Amino acid sequence: MADGIAVVGGIDTHTDRHQAAVIDSIGRHLATEQFETTRPFPRSESPRPPYHHALTMA
């Protein structure tokens, strides 16, 4: 692995909401977003799940 700062993303899943977060390898918070699981997500809006935005913000 090259020297540098890595980016790590994770999703905490729950029944009603999912929480996505992105930090770097030295602990800096880069992004956090929460998404309802009960709201339908039409495929026509985007080919990616709604939490993709939080993970690409890093």
PDB file of N, CA and C in Angstrom:
ATOM      1  N   MET A   1       0.843  -1.183   0.000  1.00  0.00           N
ATOM      2  CA  MET A   1       0.000   0.000   0.000  1.00  0.00           C
ATOM      3  C   MET A   1       0.884   1.239   0.000  1.00  0.00           C
ATOM      4  N   ALA A   2       0.546   2.188  -0.826  1.00  0.00           N
ATOM      5  CA  ALA A   2       1.308   3.427  -0.906  1.00  0.00           C
ATOM      6  C   ALA A   2       1.052   4.283   0.330  1.00  0.00           C
ATOM      7  N   ASP A   3       2.043   5.092   0.691  1.00  0.00           N
ATOM      8  CA  ASP A   3       1.847   6.025   1.799  1.00  0.00           C
ATOM      9  C   ASP A   3       0.775   7.025   1.427  1.00  0.00           C
ATOM     10  N   GLY A   4      -0.030   7.390   2.384  1.00  0.00           N
ATOM     11  CA  GLY A   4      -1.095   8.358   2.127  1.00  0.00           C
ATOM     12  C   GLY A   4      -2.249   8.126   3.070  1.00  0.00           C
ATOM     13  N   ILE A   5      -3.302   8.836   2.813  1.00  0.00           N
ATOM     14  CA  ILE A   5      -4.483   8.764   3.666  1.00  0.00           C
ATOM     15  C   ILE A   5      -5.554   7.978   2.928  1.00  0.00           C
ATOM     16  N   ALA A   6      -6.046   6.936   3.568  1.00  0.00           N
ATOM     17  CA  ALA A   6      -7.104   6.113   2.991  1.00  0.00           C
ATOM     18  C   ALA A   6      -8.469   6.679   3.385  1.00  0.00           C
ATOM     19  N   VAL A   7      -9.466   6.357   2.613  1.00  0.00           N
ATOM     20  CA  VAL A   7     -10.844   6.756   2.894  1.00  0.00           C
ATOM     21  C   VAL A   7     -11.645   5.489   3.174  1.00  0.00           C
ATOM     22  N   VAL A   8     -12.443   5.533   4.245  1.00  0.00           N
ATOM     23  CA  VAL A   8     -13.226   4.380   4.661  1.00  0.00           C
ATOM     24  C   VAL A   8     -14.686   4.786   4.795  1.00  0.00           C
ATOM     25  N   GLY A   9     -15.578   3.979   4.231  1.00  0.00           N
ATOM     26  CA  GLY A   9     -17.010   4.232   4.354  1.00  0.00           C
ATOM     27  C   GLY A   9     -17.695   3.052   4.994  1.00  0.00           C
ATOM     28  N   GLY A  10     -18.776   3.328   5.684  1.00  0.00           N
ATOM     29  CA  GLY A  10     -19.536   2.257   6.306  1.00  0.00           C
ATOM     30  C   GLY A  10     -20.996   2.618   6.400  1.00  0.00           C
ATOM     31  N   ILE A  11     -21.827   1.588   6.522  1.00  0.00           N
ATOM     32  CA  ILE A  11     -23.268   1.796   6.634  1.00  0.00           C
ATOM     33  C   ILE A  11     -23.776   1.006   7.832  1.00  0.00           C
ATOM     34  N   ASP A  12     -24.450   1.710   8.735  1.00  0.00           N
ATOM     35  CA  ASP A  12     -25.066   1.100   9.901  1.00  0.00           C
ATOM     36  C   ASP A  12     -26.535   0.893   9.553  1.00  0.00           C
ATOM     37  N   THR A  13     -26.947  -0.349   9.433  1.00  0.00           N
ATOM     38  CA  THR A  13     -28.313  -0.634   8.989  1.00  0.00           C
ATOM     39  C   THR A  13     -29.251  -0.843  10.169  1.00  0.00           C
ATOM     40  N   HIS A  14     -30.461  -0.322  10.014  1.00  0.00           N
ATOM     41  CA  HIS A  14     -31.518  -0.455  11.015  1.00  0.00           C
ATOM     42  C   HIS A  14     -32.824  -0.746  10.286  1.00  0.00           C
ATOM     43  N   THR A  15     -33.867  -1.034  11.021  1.00  0.00           N
ATOM     44  CA  THR A  15     -35.150  -1.357  10.412  1.00  0.00           C
ATOM     45  C   THR A  15     -35.734  -0.181   9.633  1.00  0.00           C
ATOM     46  N   ASP A  16     -35.736   1.016  10.225  1.00  0.00           N
ATOM     47  CA  ASP A  16     -36.384   2.173   9.604  1.00  0.00           C
ATOM     48  C   ASP A  16     -35.430   3.115   8.890  1.00  0.00           C
ATOM     49  N   ARG A  17     -34.152   3.113   9.277  1.00  0.00           N
ATOM     50  CA  ARG A  17     -33.183   4.036   8.682  1.00  0.00           C
ATOM     51  C   ARG A  17     -31.814   3.371   8.585  1.00  0.00           C
ATOM     52  N   HIS A  18     -31.060   3.814   7.596  1.00  0.00           N
ATOM     53  CA  HIS A  18     -29.657   3.430   7.475  1.00  0.00           C
ATOM     54  C   HIS A  18     -28.824   4.696   7.634  1.00  0.00           C
ATOM     55  N   GLN A  19     -27.687   4.582   8.277  1.00  0.00           N
ATOM     56  CA  GLN A  19     -26.771   5.706   8.479  1.00  0.00           C
ATOM     57  C   GLN A  19     -25.471   5.381   7.748  1.00  0.00           C
ATOM     58  N   ALA A  20     -25.092   6.217   6.802  1.00  0.00           N
ATOM     59  CA  ALA A  20     -23.836   6.032   6.066  1.00  0.00           C
ATOM     60  C   ALA A  20     -22.845   7.093   6.532  1.00  0.00           C
ATOM     61  N   ALA A  21     -21.598   6.694   6.707  1.00  0.00           N
ATOM     62  CA  ALA A  21     -20.561   7.629   7.143  1.00  0.00           C
ATOM     63  C   ALA A  21     -19.264   7.340   6.400  1.00  0.00           C
ATOM     64  N   VAL A  22     -18.492   8.401   6.200  1.00  0.00           N
ATOM     65  CA  VAL A  22     -17.194   8.286   5.539  1.00  0.00           C
ATOM     66  C   VAL A  22     -16.172   9.046   6.374  1.00  0.00           C
ATOM     67  N   ILE A  23     -15.057   8.375   6.699  1.00  0.00           N
ATOM     68  CA  ILE A  23     -13.957   9.010   7.422  1.00  0.00           C
ATOM     69  C   ILE A  23     -12.659   8.685   6.702  1.00  0.00           C
ATOM     70  N   ASP A  24     -11.603   9.402   7.062  1.00  0.00           N
ATOM     71  CA  ASP A  24     -10.299   9.035   6.506  1.00  0.00           C
ATOM     72  C   ASP A  24      -9.501   8.273   7.556  1.00  0.00           C
ATOM     73  N   SER A  25      -8.340   7.778   7.162  1.00  0.00           N
ATOM     74  CA  SER A  25      -7.572   6.897   8.035  1.00  0.00           C
ATOM     75  C   SER A  25      -6.954   7.596   9.239  1.00  0.00           C
ATOM     76  N   ILE A  26      -7.043   8.925   9.297  1.00  0.00           N
ATOM     77  CA  ILE A  26      -6.565   9.621  10.495  1.00  0.00           C
ATOM     78  C   ILE A  26      -7.732  10.143  11.338  1.00  0.00           C
ATOM     79  N   GLY A  27      -8.955   9.659  10.999  1.00  0.00           N
ATOM     80  CA  GLY A  27     -10.114   9.923  11.834  1.00  0.00           C
ATOM     81  C   GLY A  27     -10.932  11.150  11.501  1.00  0.00           C
ATOM     82  N   ARG A  28     -10.616  11.824  10.413  1.00  0.00           N
ATOM     83  CA  ARG A  28     -11.422  13.005  10.051  1.00  0.00           C
ATOM     84  C   ARG A  28     -12.747  12.577   9.431  1.00  0.00           C
ATOM     85  N   HIS A  29     -13.812  13.205   9.898  1.00  0.00           N
ATOM     86  CA  HIS A  29     -15.150  12.951   9.377  1.00  0.00           C
ATOM     87  C   HIS A  29     -15.284  13.643   8.024  1.00  0.00           C
ATOM     88  N   LEU A  30     -15.695  12.895   6.995  1.00  0.00           N
ATOM     89  CA  LEU A  30     -15.832  13.465   5.659  1.00  0.00           C
ATOM     90  C   LEU A  30     -17.285  13.625   5.228  1.00  0.00           C
ATOM     91  N   ALA A  31     -18.142  12.693   5.614  1.00  0.00           N
ATOM     92  CA  ALA A  31     -19.554  12.778   5.229  1.00  0.00           C
ATOM     93  C   ALA A  31     -20.385  11.831   6.080  1.00  0.00           C
ATOM     94  N   THR A  32     -21.628  12.229   6.324  1.00  0.00           N
ATOM     95  CA  THR A  32     -22.605  11.377   7.000  1.00  0.00           C
ATOM     96  C   THR A  32     -23.969  11.675   6.400  1.00  0.00           C
ATOM     97  N   GLU A  33     -24.716  10.640   6.114  1.00  0.00           N
ATOM     98  CA  GLU A  33     -26.084  10.816   5.640  1.00  0.00           C
ATOM     99  C   GLU A  33     -26.950   9.706   6.189  1.00  0.00           C
ATOM    100  N   GLN A  34     -28.232  10.013   6.388  1.00  0.00           N
ATOM    101  CA  GLN A  34     -29.190   9.046   6.897  1.00  0.00           C
ATOM    102  C   GLN A  34     -30.271   8.849   5.851  1.00  0.00           C
ATOM    103  N   PHE A  35     -30.708   7.596   5.677  1.00  0.00           N
ATOM    104  CA  PHE A  35     -31.689   7.274   4.654  1.00  0.00           C
ATOM    105  C   PHE A  35     -32.766   6.381   5.223  1.00  0.00           C
ATOM    106  N   GLU A  36     -34.022   6.718   4.908  1.00  0.00           N
ATOM    107  CA  GLU A  36     -35.148   5.897   5.347  1.00  0.00           C
ATOM    108  C   GLU A  36     -35.165   4.597   4.547  1.00  0.00           C
ATOM    109  N   THR A  37     -35.510   3.516   5.215  1.00  0.00           N
ATOM    110  CA  THR A  37     -35.622   2.237   4.521  1.00  0.00           C
ATOM    111  C   THR A  37     -37.049   1.972   4.061  1.00  0.00           C
ATOM    112  N   THR A  38     -37.988   2.708   4.607  1.00  0.00           N
ATOM    113  CA  THR A  38     -39.394   2.468   4.290  1.00  0.00           C
ATOM    114  C   THR A  38     -39.846   3.202   3.032  1.00  0.00           C
ATOM    115  N   ARG A  39     -39.086   4.201   2.591  1.00  0.00           N
ATOM    116  CA  ARG A  39     -39.459   4.961   1.385  1.00  0.00           C
ATOM    117  C   ARG A  39     -39.007   4.186   0.154  1.00  0.00           C
ATOM    118  N   PRO A  40     -39.930   3.909  -0.763  1.00  0.00           N
ATOM    119  CA  PRO A  40     -39.514   3.213  -1.985  1.00  0.00           C
ATOM    120  C   PRO A  40     -38.543   4.080  -2.782  1.00  0.00           C
ATOM    121  N   PHE A  41     -37.589   3.460  -3.404  1.00  0.00           N
ATOM    122  CA  PHE A  41     -36.600   4.170  -4.219  1.00  0.00           C
ATOM    123  C   PHE A  41     -36.776   3.742  -5.666  1.00  0.00           C
ATOM    124  N   PRO A  42     -37.464   4.567  -6.462  1.00  0.00           N
ATOM    125  CA  PRO A  42     -37.719   4.178  -7.855  1.00  0.00           C
ATOM    126  C   PRO A  42     -36.417   4.029  -8.642  1.00  0.00           C
ATOM    127  N   ARG A  43     -36.312   2.973  -9.388  1.00  0.00           N
ATOM    128  CA  ARG A  43     -35.117   2.736 -10.197  1.00  0.00           C
ATOM    129  C   ARG A  43     -34.912   3.845 -11.227  1.00  0.00           C
ATOM    130  N   SER A  44     -35.985   4.514 -11.621  1.00  0.00           N
ATOM    131  CA  SER A  44     -35.859   5.562 -12.626  1.00  0.00           C
ATOM    132  C   SER A  44     -35.088   6.781 -12.121  1.00  0.00           C
ATOM    133  N   GLU A  45     -35.044   6.992 -10.790  1.00  0.00           N
ATOM    134  CA  GLU A  45     -34.319   8.139 -10.235  1.00  0.00           C
ATOM    135  C   GLU A  45     -32.823   7.992 -10.437  1.00  0.00           C
ATOM    136  N   SER A  46     -32.307   6.819 -10.193  1.00  0.00           N
ATOM    137  CA  SER A  46     -30.874   6.596 -10.269  1.00  0.00           C
ATOM    138  C   SER A  46     -30.607   5.102 -10.267  1.00  0.00           C
ATOM    139  N   PRO A  47     -29.569   4.665 -10.969  1.00  0.00           N
ATOM    140  CA  PRO A  47     -29.231   3.244 -10.923  1.00  0.00           C
ATOM    141  C   PRO A  47     -28.511   2.862  -9.638  1.00  0.00           C
ATOM    142  N   ARG A  48     -28.186   3.833  -8.794  1.00  0.00           N
ATOM    143  CA  ARG A  48     -27.449   3.575  -7.560  1.00  0.00           C
ATOM    144  C   ARG A  48     -28.340   3.772  -6.344  1.00  0.00           C
ATOM    145  N   PRO A  49     -28.034   3.075  -5.249  1.00  0.00           N
ATOM    146  CA  PRO A  49     -28.813   3.276  -4.021  1.00  0.00           C
ATOM    147  C   PRO A  49     -28.613   4.678  -3.468  1.00  0.00           C
ATOM    148  N   PRO A  50     -29.549   5.205  -2.654  1.00  0.00           N
ATOM    149  CA  PRO A  50     -29.466   6.585  -2.180  1.00  0.00           C
ATOM    150  C   PRO A  50     -28.235   6.891  -1.339  1.00  0.00           C
ATOM    151  N   TYR A  51     -27.644   5.909  -0.647  1.00  0.00           N
ATOM    152  CA  TYR A  51     -26.464   6.189   0.168  1.00  0.00           C
ATOM    153  C   TYR A  51     -25.194   6.338  -0.667  1.00  0.00           C
ATOM    154  N   HIS A  52     -25.291   6.068  -1.955  1.00  0.00           N
ATOM    155  CA  HIS A  52     -24.109   6.221  -2.819  1.00  0.00           C
ATOM    156  C   HIS A  52     -23.567   7.642  -2.762  1.00  0.00           C
ATOM    157  N   HIS A  53     -24.455   8.622  -2.613  1.00  0.00           N
ATOM    158  CA  HIS A  53     -24.050  10.025  -2.543  1.00  0.00           C
ATOM    159  C   HIS A  53     -23.077  10.273  -1.377  1.00  0.00           C
ATOM    160  N   ALA A  54     -23.376   9.737  -0.216  1.00  0.00           N
ATOM    161  CA  ALA A  54     -22.510   9.924   0.947  1.00  0.00           C
ATOM    162  C   ALA A  54     -21.138   9.309   0.706  1.00  0.00           C
ATOM    163  N   LEU A  55     -21.105   8.159   0.064  1.00  0.00           N
ATOM    164  CA  LEU A  55     -19.840   7.483  -0.151  1.00  0.00           C
ATOM    165  C   LEU A  55     -19.009   8.144  -1.240  1.00  0.00           C
ATOM    166  N   THR A  56     -19.656   8.830  -2.195  1.00  0.00           N
ATOM    167  CA  THR A  56     -18.895   9.511  -3.236  1.00  0.00           C
ATOM    168  C   THR A  56     -18.468  10.913  -2.826  1.00  0.00           C
ATOM    169  N   MET A  57     -18.996  11.434  -1.721  1.00  0.00           N
ATOM    170  CA  MET A  57     -18.597  12.764  -1.255  1.00  0.00           C
ATOM    171  C   MET A  57     -17.152  12.786  -0.790  1.00  0.00           C
ATOM    172  N   ALA A  58     -16.640  11.632  -0.407  1.00  0.00           N
ATOM    173  CA  ALA A  58     -15.269  11.553   0.064  1.00  0.00           C
ATOM    174  C   ALA A  58     -14.390  11.612  -1.119  1.00  0.00           C
TER     175      ALA A  58
END
